[in-house]
């Protein structure tokens, strides 16, 4: 950390990485939930 701007750049990079990780995790969770839901509905429709 030579200068404050370096610290800010690192902090921004870390914040971006964390935000991306959280966004990916949320997107994956939503996608999984939707997939399971539609799979369940598909199975129910098929059984009926």
Protein backbone atom coordinates (compact mmCIF):
# COMPACT_ATOMS: atom_id res chain seq x y z
CA UNK A 1 0.00 0.00 0.00
CA UNK A 2 2.17 2.84 -1.23
CA UNK A 3 -0.52 5.49 -1.47
CA UNK A 4 -4.12 5.98 -0.38
CA UNK A 5 -5.30 5.58 -3.96
CA UNK A 6 -3.79 2.09 -4.00
CA UNK A 7 -5.72 1.23 -0.87
CA UNK A 8 -8.90 2.55 -2.48
CA UNK A 9 -8.25 0.53 -5.63
CA UNK A 10 -7.71 -2.63 -3.59
CA UNK A 11 -10.82 -1.93 -1.51
CA UNK A 12 -12.84 -1.42 -4.68
CA UNK A 13 -11.50 -4.63 -6.21
CA UNK A 14 -12.37 -6.56 -3.05
CA UNK A 15 -15.82 -4.98 -2.88
CA UNK A 16 -16.44 -5.85 -6.53
CA UNK A 17 -15.28 -9.42 -6.02
CA UNK A 18 -17.54 -9.84 -2.99
CA UNK A 19 -20.50 -8.25 -4.79
CA UNK A 20 -19.96 -10.56 -7.78
CA UNK A 21 -19.69 -13.62 -5.55
CA UNK A 22 -22.90 -12.69 -3.71
CA UNK A 23 -24.72 -11.94 -6.96
CA UNK A 24 -23.61 -15.28 -8.42
CA UNK A 25 -24.65 -17.16 -5.30
CA UNK A 26 -28.07 -15.51 -5.30
CA UNK A 27 -28.54 -16.12 -9.03
CA UNK A 28 -27.57 -19.78 -8.61
CA UNK A 29 -29.91 -20.22 -5.66
CA UNK A 30 -32.78 -18.65 -7.58
CA UNK A 31 -32.04 -20.70 -10.68
CA UNK A 32 -31.90 -23.90 -8.62
CA UNK A 33 -35.15 -23.07 -6.86
CA UNK A 34 -36.88 -22.32 -10.17
CA UNK A 35 -35.50 -25.49 -11.75
CA UNK A 36 -36.67 -27.64 -8.84
CA UNK A 37 -40.07 -25.94 -8.85
CA UNK A 38 -40.63 -26.43 -12.57
CA UNK A 39 -39.32 -29.99 -12.34
CA UNK A 40 -41.81 -30.68 -9.54
CA UNK A 41 -44.66 -29.12 -11.53
CA UNK A 42 -43.60 -31.10 -14.59
CA UNK A 43 -43.61 -34.33 -12.58
CA UNK A 44 -47.01 -33.56 -11.06
CA UNK A 45 -48.43 -32.72 -14.47
CA UNK A 46 -46.98 -35.92 -15.88
CA UNK A 47 -48.41 -38.05 -13.06
CA UNK A 48 -51.81 -36.44 -13.47
